[in-house]
């Protein structure tokens, strides 16, 4: 059970990133219920790891990693993606390289000949596209 004083920050995280994470969970889960379970466990792990209080990392990156780890752990061979090494970010080249290929932001910016600021704008655009696509999918 999550104490009340942690509830508000987690609600804020859910409001901000829930649609993105649910979309990732749906991509990996065989059913909507399994995706919802992945999302619930992801936010429980976020609370346990105190990611809201830890400012040394990107919260979204950590939540995405937790979602993918939870899906793999919870579903194992039932995961839709367990038989293929594909990335849920395949159509988003910058996010794909950062999350799936585990490249550093500086390395990605150097490979594409971009400044950190330019890469940041492109990553935000990719995240916005994911958020909008997932929002539409959830609210249909």
C-alpha atoms as a PDB file:
ATOM      1  CA  UNK A   1       0.000   0.000   0.000  1.00  0.00           C
ATOM      2  CA  UNK A   2       1.318   3.421  -0.949  1.00  0.00           C
ATOM      3  CA  UNK A   3       1.243   6.018   1.854  1.00  0.00           C
ATOM      4  CA  UNK A   4      -0.917   9.100   1.266  1.00  0.00           C
ATOM      5  CA  UNK A   5       2.005  11.547   1.127  1.00  0.00           C
ATOM      6  CA  UNK A   6       3.323   9.685  -1.939  1.00  0.00           C
ATOM      7  CA  UNK A   7      -0.031   9.497  -3.671  1.00  0.00           C
ATOM      8  CA  UNK A   8      -0.073  12.998  -5.185  1.00  0.00           C
ATOM      9  CA  UNK A   9       3.342  12.744  -6.888  1.00  0.00           C
ATOM     10  CA  UNK A  10       2.399   9.321  -8.312  1.00  0.00           C
ATOM     11  CA  UNK A  11      -0.930  10.680  -9.565  1.00  0.00           C
ATOM     12  CA  UNK A  12       0.993  13.477 -11.260  1.00  0.00           C
ATOM     13  CA  UNK A  13       3.363  10.936 -12.875  1.00  0.00           C
ATOM     14  CA  UNK A  14       0.405   8.853 -14.019  1.00  0.00           C
ATOM     15  CA  UNK A  15      -1.361  11.889 -15.479  1.00  0.00           C
ATOM     16  CA  UNK A  16       1.797  12.954 -17.268  1.00  0.00           C
ATOM     17  CA  UNK A  17       3.107   9.588 -18.506  1.00  0.00           C
ATOM     18  CA  UNK A  18       0.329   7.022 -18.040  1.00  0.00           C
ATOM     19  CA  UNK A  19      -0.854   7.023 -21.661  1.00  0.00           C
ATOM     20  CA  UNK A  20       2.685   6.543 -23.003  1.00  0.00           C
ATOM     21  CA  UNK A  21       3.411   3.712 -20.577  1.00  0.00           C
ATOM     22  CA  UNK A  22       0.043   2.055 -21.148  1.00  0.00           C
ATOM     23  CA  UNK A  23       0.710   2.097 -24.885  1.00  0.00           C
ATOM     24  CA  UNK A  24       4.070   0.406 -24.319  1.00  0.00           C
ATOM     25  CA  UNK A  25       2.410  -2.135 -22.013  1.00  0.00           C
ATOM     26  CA  UNK A  26      -0.271  -2.808 -24.662  1.00  0.00           C
ATOM     27  CA  UNK A  27       2.450  -3.411 -27.252  1.00  0.00           C
ATOM     28  CA  UNK A  28       3.883  -6.142 -25.030  1.00  0.00           C
ATOM     29  CA  UNK A  29       0.818  -7.620 -23.327  1.00  0.00           C
ATOM     30  CA  UNK A  30      -1.544 -10.213 -24.786  1.00  0.00           C
ATOM     31  CA  UNK A  31      -4.619  -8.527 -23.223  1.00  0.00           C
ATOM     32  CA  UNK A  32      -5.786  -5.132 -21.958  1.00  0.00           C
ATOM     33  CA  UNK A  33      -5.969  -6.554 -18.422  1.00  0.00           C
ATOM     34  CA  UNK A  34      -2.359  -7.699 -18.591  1.00  0.00           C
ATOM     35  CA  UNK A  35      -1.333  -4.231 -19.815  1.00  0.00           C
ATOM     36  CA  UNK A  36      -3.196  -2.625 -16.905  1.00  0.00           C
ATOM     37  CA  UNK A  37      -1.426  -4.985 -14.476  1.00  0.00           C
ATOM     38  CA  UNK A  38       1.944  -4.063 -15.989  1.00  0.00           C
ATOM     39  CA  UNK A  39       1.126  -0.379 -15.540  1.00  0.00           C
ATOM     40  CA  UNK A  40       0.058  -0.858 -11.914  1.00  0.00           C
ATOM     41  CA  UNK A  41       3.229  -2.772 -11.047  1.00  0.00           C
ATOM     42  CA  UNK A  42       5.337  -0.178 -12.874  1.00  0.00           C
ATOM     43  CA  UNK A  43       3.980   2.594 -10.658  1.00  0.00           C
ATOM     44  CA  UNK A  44       4.440   0.453  -7.547  1.00  0.00           C
ATOM     45  CA  UNK A  45       8.081  -0.018  -8.546  1.00  0.00           C
ATOM     46  CA  UNK A  46       8.374   3.716  -9.196  1.00  0.00           C
ATOM     47  CA  UNK A  47       7.232   4.315  -5.634  1.00  0.00           C
ATOM     48  CA  UNK A  48       9.583   1.667  -4.222  1.00  0.00           C
ATOM     49  CA  UNK A  49      12.546   3.142  -6.086  1.00  0.00           C
ATOM     50  CA  UNK A  50      11.571   6.676  -5.037  1.00  0.00           C
ATOM     51  CA  UNK A  51      12.038   7.970  -8.571  1.00  0.00           C
ATOM     52  CA  UNK A  52      10.084  11.150  -7.853  1.00  0.00           C
ATOM     53  CA  UNK A  53      12.602  12.116  -5.170  1.00  0.00           C
ATOM     54  CA  UNK A  54      15.648  11.068  -7.195  1.00  0.00           C
ATOM     55  CA  UNK A  55      16.463  13.939  -9.536  1.00  0.00           C
ATOM     56  CA  UNK A  56      19.592  12.309 -10.982  1.00  0.00           C
ATOM     57  CA  UNK A  57      17.798  10.644 -13.868  1.00  0.00           C
ATOM     58  CA  UNK A  58      15.138  11.157 -16.501  1.00  0.00           C
ATOM     59  CA  UNK A  59      11.852  10.092 -14.937  1.00  0.00           C
ATOM     60  CA  UNK A  60      10.275   9.103 -18.258  1.00  0.00           C
ATOM     61  CA  UNK A  61      13.275   6.977 -19.246  1.00  0.00           C
ATOM     62  CA  UNK A  62      13.123   5.221 -15.880  1.00  0.00           C
ATOM     63  CA  UNK A  63       9.364   4.634 -16.184  1.00  0.00           C
ATOM     64  CA  UNK A  64       9.752   3.217 -19.699  1.00  0.00           C
ATOM     65  CA  UNK A  65      12.529   0.909 -18.505  1.00  0.00           C
ATOM     66  CA  UNK A  66      10.403  -0.221 -15.544  1.00  0.00           C
ATOM     67  CA  UNK A  67       7.430  -0.856 -17.847  1.00  0.00           C
ATOM     68  CA  UNK A  68       9.483  -2.981 -20.237  1.00  0.00           C
ATOM     69  CA  UNK A  69      11.151  -4.873 -17.380  1.00  0.00           C
ATOM     70  CA  UNK A  70       7.785  -5.494 -15.717  1.00  0.00           C
ATOM     71  CA  UNK A  71       6.260  -6.761 -18.965  1.00  0.00           C
ATOM     72  CA  UNK A  72       9.154  -9.127 -19.521  1.00  0.00           C
ATOM     73  CA  UNK A  73       9.137 -10.346 -15.910  1.00  0.00           C
ATOM     74  CA  UNK A  74       5.359 -10.667 -15.621  1.00  0.00           C
ATOM     75  CA  UNK A  75       4.655 -12.158 -19.028  1.00  0.00           C
ATOM     76  CA  UNK A  76       7.827 -13.994 -19.950  1.00  0.00           C
ATOM     77  CA  UNK A  77       7.020 -16.089 -23.004  1.00  0.00           C
ATOM     78  CA  UNK A  78       3.472 -14.669 -23.195  1.00  0.00           C
ATOM     79  CA  UNK A  79       4.794 -11.253 -24.145  1.00  0.00           C
ATOM     80  CA  UNK A  80       3.887 -10.271 -27.697  1.00  0.00           C
ATOM     81  CA  UNK A  81       7.470  -9.161 -28.195  1.00  0.00           C
ATOM     82  CA  UNK A  82       9.253 -12.108 -26.609  1.00  0.00           C
ATOM     83  CA  UNK A  83       9.899 -13.830 -29.922  1.00  0.00           C
ATOM     84  CA  UNK A  84      11.292 -10.825 -31.756  1.00  0.00           C
ATOM     85  CA  UNK A  85      14.056  -8.421 -30.849  1.00  0.00           C
ATOM     86  CA  UNK A  86      12.054  -5.450 -32.133  1.00  0.00           C
ATOM     87  CA  UNK A  87      11.789  -2.159 -30.328  1.00  0.00           C
ATOM     88  CA  UNK A  88       8.532  -0.444 -29.377  1.00  0.00           C
ATOM     89  CA  UNK A  89      10.310   2.695 -30.640  1.00  0.00           C
ATOM     90  CA  UNK A  90      11.175   1.360 -34.098  1.00  0.00           C
ATOM     91  CA  UNK A  91       9.420   4.248 -35.853  1.00  0.00           C
ATOM     92  CA  UNK A  92      11.055   6.803 -33.530  1.00  0.00           C
ATOM     93  CA  UNK A  93      14.761   6.707 -34.421  1.00  0.00           C
ATOM     94  CA  UNK A  94      16.102   8.811 -31.547  1.00  0.00           C
ATOM     95  CA  UNK A  95      14.123   7.069 -28.812  1.00  0.00           C
ATOM     96  CA  UNK A  96      14.955   3.708 -30.393  1.00  0.00           C
ATOM     97  CA  UNK A  97      18.679   4.384 -30.162  1.00  0.00           C
ATOM     98  CA  UNK A  98      18.506   5.740 -26.617  1.00  0.00           C
ATOM     99  CA  UNK A  99      16.187   3.139 -25.073  1.00  0.00           C
ATOM    100  CA  UNK A 100      16.585   0.028 -27.218  1.00  0.00           C
ATOM    101  CA  UNK A 101      20.214   0.344 -28.241  1.00  0.00           C
ATOM    102  CA  UNK A 102      21.171   1.976 -24.894  1.00  0.00           C
ATOM    103  CA  UNK A 103      23.196   4.731 -26.519  1.00  0.00           C
ATOM    104  CA  UNK A 104      24.090   7.886 -24.635  1.00  0.00           C
ATOM    105  CA  UNK A 105      22.435  11.105 -25.738  1.00  0.00           C
ATOM    106  CA  UNK A 106      25.805  12.602 -26.658  1.00  0.00           C
ATOM    107  CA  UNK A 107      26.589   9.575 -28.855  1.00  0.00           C
ATOM    108  CA  UNK A 108      23.229   9.856 -30.654  1.00  0.00           C
ATOM    109  CA  UNK A 109      23.642  13.593 -31.196  1.00  0.00           C
ATOM    110  CA  UNK A 110      27.149  13.036 -32.587  1.00  0.00           C
ATOM    111  CA  UNK A 111      25.965  10.264 -34.938  1.00  0.00           C
ATOM    112  CA  UNK A 112      23.220  12.492 -36.353  1.00  0.00           C
ATOM    113  CA  UNK A 113      25.329  15.645 -36.355  1.00  0.00           C
ATOM    114  CA  UNK A 114      22.998  17.429 -33.946  1.00  0.00           C
ATOM    115  CA  UNK A 115      23.535  19.636 -30.951  1.00  0.00           C
ATOM    116  CA  UNK A 116      22.129  18.433 -27.628  1.00  0.00           C
ATOM    117  CA  UNK A 117      19.460  21.133 -27.870  1.00  0.00           C
ATOM    118  CA  UNK A 118      18.416  20.030 -31.378  1.00  0.00           C
ATOM    119  CA  UNK A 119      18.287  16.381 -30.287  1.00  0.00           C
ATOM    120  CA  UNK A 120      16.245  17.338 -27.230  1.00  0.00           C
ATOM    121  CA  UNK A 121      13.651  19.018 -29.458  1.00  0.00           C
ATOM    122  CA  UNK A 122      13.463  15.963 -31.718  1.00  0.00           C
ATOM    123  CA  UNK A 123      13.102  13.594 -28.745  1.00  0.00           C
ATOM    124  CA  UNK A 124      10.311  15.756 -27.322  1.00  0.00           C
ATOM    125  CA  UNK A 125       8.588  15.628 -30.721  1.00  0.00           C
ATOM    126  CA  UNK A 126       8.835  11.820 -30.764  1.00  0.00           C
ATOM    127  CA  UNK A 127       7.476  11.586 -27.211  1.00  0.00           C
ATOM    128  CA  UNK A 128       4.632  13.923 -28.129  1.00  0.00           C
ATOM    129  CA  UNK A 129       3.787  11.752 -31.138  1.00  0.00           C
ATOM    130  CA  UNK A 130       3.736   8.640 -28.927  1.00  0.00           C
ATOM    131  CA  UNK A 131       1.600  10.386 -26.314  1.00  0.00           C
ATOM    132  CA  UNK A 132      -0.896  11.569 -28.931  1.00  0.00           C
ATOM    133  CA  UNK A 133      -1.086   8.152 -30.600  1.00  0.00           C
ATOM    134  CA  UNK A 134      -1.577   6.404 -27.274  1.00  0.00           C
ATOM    135  CA  UNK A 135      -4.132   8.976 -26.109  1.00  0.00           C
ATOM    136  CA  UNK A 136      -6.156   8.376 -29.264  1.00  0.00           C
ATOM    137  CA  UNK A 137      -5.882   4.594 -28.848  1.00  0.00           C
ATOM    138  CA  UNK A 138      -7.009   4.693 -25.207  1.00  0.00           C
ATOM    139  CA  UNK A 139      -9.884   7.122 -25.817  1.00  0.00           C
ATOM    140  CA  UNK A 140     -11.464   5.406 -28.831  1.00  0.00           C
END
